[in-house]
Amino acid sequence: MRLLAHLTITCLLVLTSCEKEKQASSSSTPAGMVLIPSGVFEMGTAQELFAQGNIPVRSGAEEWPPHRVILDTFYMDATEVTNLQFKEFIDATGYKTQAERPFRQEDYPKARPQDLLPAAFVMAPPVTKVNIQTASHWDWWKLTPGADWQHPEGPKANLVGRWDHPVVNVAYEDAEAYAQWAGKRLPTEAEWEYAARGGLDGKLYPWGDELTPGGKFMANCWQGDFPNENTSKDGFMTSSPAKSFEPNGYGLYDISGNVWELVADQYEQGYYQKSPKYAPKGGVGESIVDPADGPAVHQRVIRGGSFLCNEGYCTGYRTAARQLSDDISASYHTGFRCVKDVD
């Protein structure tokens, strides 16, 4: 009886989703977005793959256990939000991003004045070669004053020739503000992973199980000895213009690699073990205390990997891969894309 009830509920949910999909197909898809059909998929990665050494341990947050998820139809941006699109939002609203605003001394009483300046995290290649197995990520990451969405690598950088690149150095609240202005929202990570798979359930990447099929680069990521040398065989040292690589089965570009993408979910350890099957929204969140004894912030999930990911350190470009960020941090390899509900 319990199994029959479960199957009945599942069928009803699928029928409702199909009706929404039918309605969506009869109307026009919003400009710059693609229709993601309703469906059921297996979310996550088996823990055994990590234990066997097939995936680097430093891949980030737990991805297990794999679990079935049911999702309704929705729209998703075909590309990551670009610098030009973000500029339109800034010009229309006068909004200042987190990286453009100084932190308040009263919020961070133990912070040094220089640590309160507007800043974002930028990679600074190590002066001497480091061993990735023993090194700390602080050996190559630097909080850089003057780095923001208009100056990706720091105050001397600009966006000349990069208006079609994804906007970076945006924090969670910045992405939310843009999405609200655009009449959209950030995707849940379940929506993100389902869309990233492009209809290929159970595959490592949006295009299959081989990273470079036939020697062809399918995403913008790091080639070489991370973090010491990037050979840039894929043609890019940092971010790449939107649509530089082939789309996945749903028509999404750069869903793997290029820049990490912020999603709506807060991170909760063990959430996959209790996640609801229908349209999960993420955990309740876990507070973390800022190193400068400031106010607590929440851990957030980011998806998709970036131009800094490689096979030896971070395989974040896998469809199931998850990493953690927080509410206030901005970095030059993190951006976002939006989704929109089907009415």
Foldseek 3Di string as FASTA:
>chain_A
DVVVVVVVVVVVLLVVLVVLVVVDVVDDDPPQKFKDGWDKAWAFDPVVCVVVVVADPQQAAHGDDTDMATEHMWIWGQEFAFQLNLVVVCVVPVDDALLCAFADCVQQVQDDPVVRARWAKEFAAAPDDDDLVPDDSVNTIDTEHQDAQQALHHVVRGCVVRRQWHGFQGFPVSQQSSQVVVQFGFAALVVLLSVQCLPVHPAFGVAHPDCAVVNHHAAQAADDDPPHDGPCPVVDPAADGWPPHAGGNRSHTRSAARAWAFGQEFADHPCNVPADRYRGRYDPFDWDADPSRGDTWTKGKIAHYYRHDDRVRHRRNTSNGIHIDTRNHTHSRYGHITMHGRD
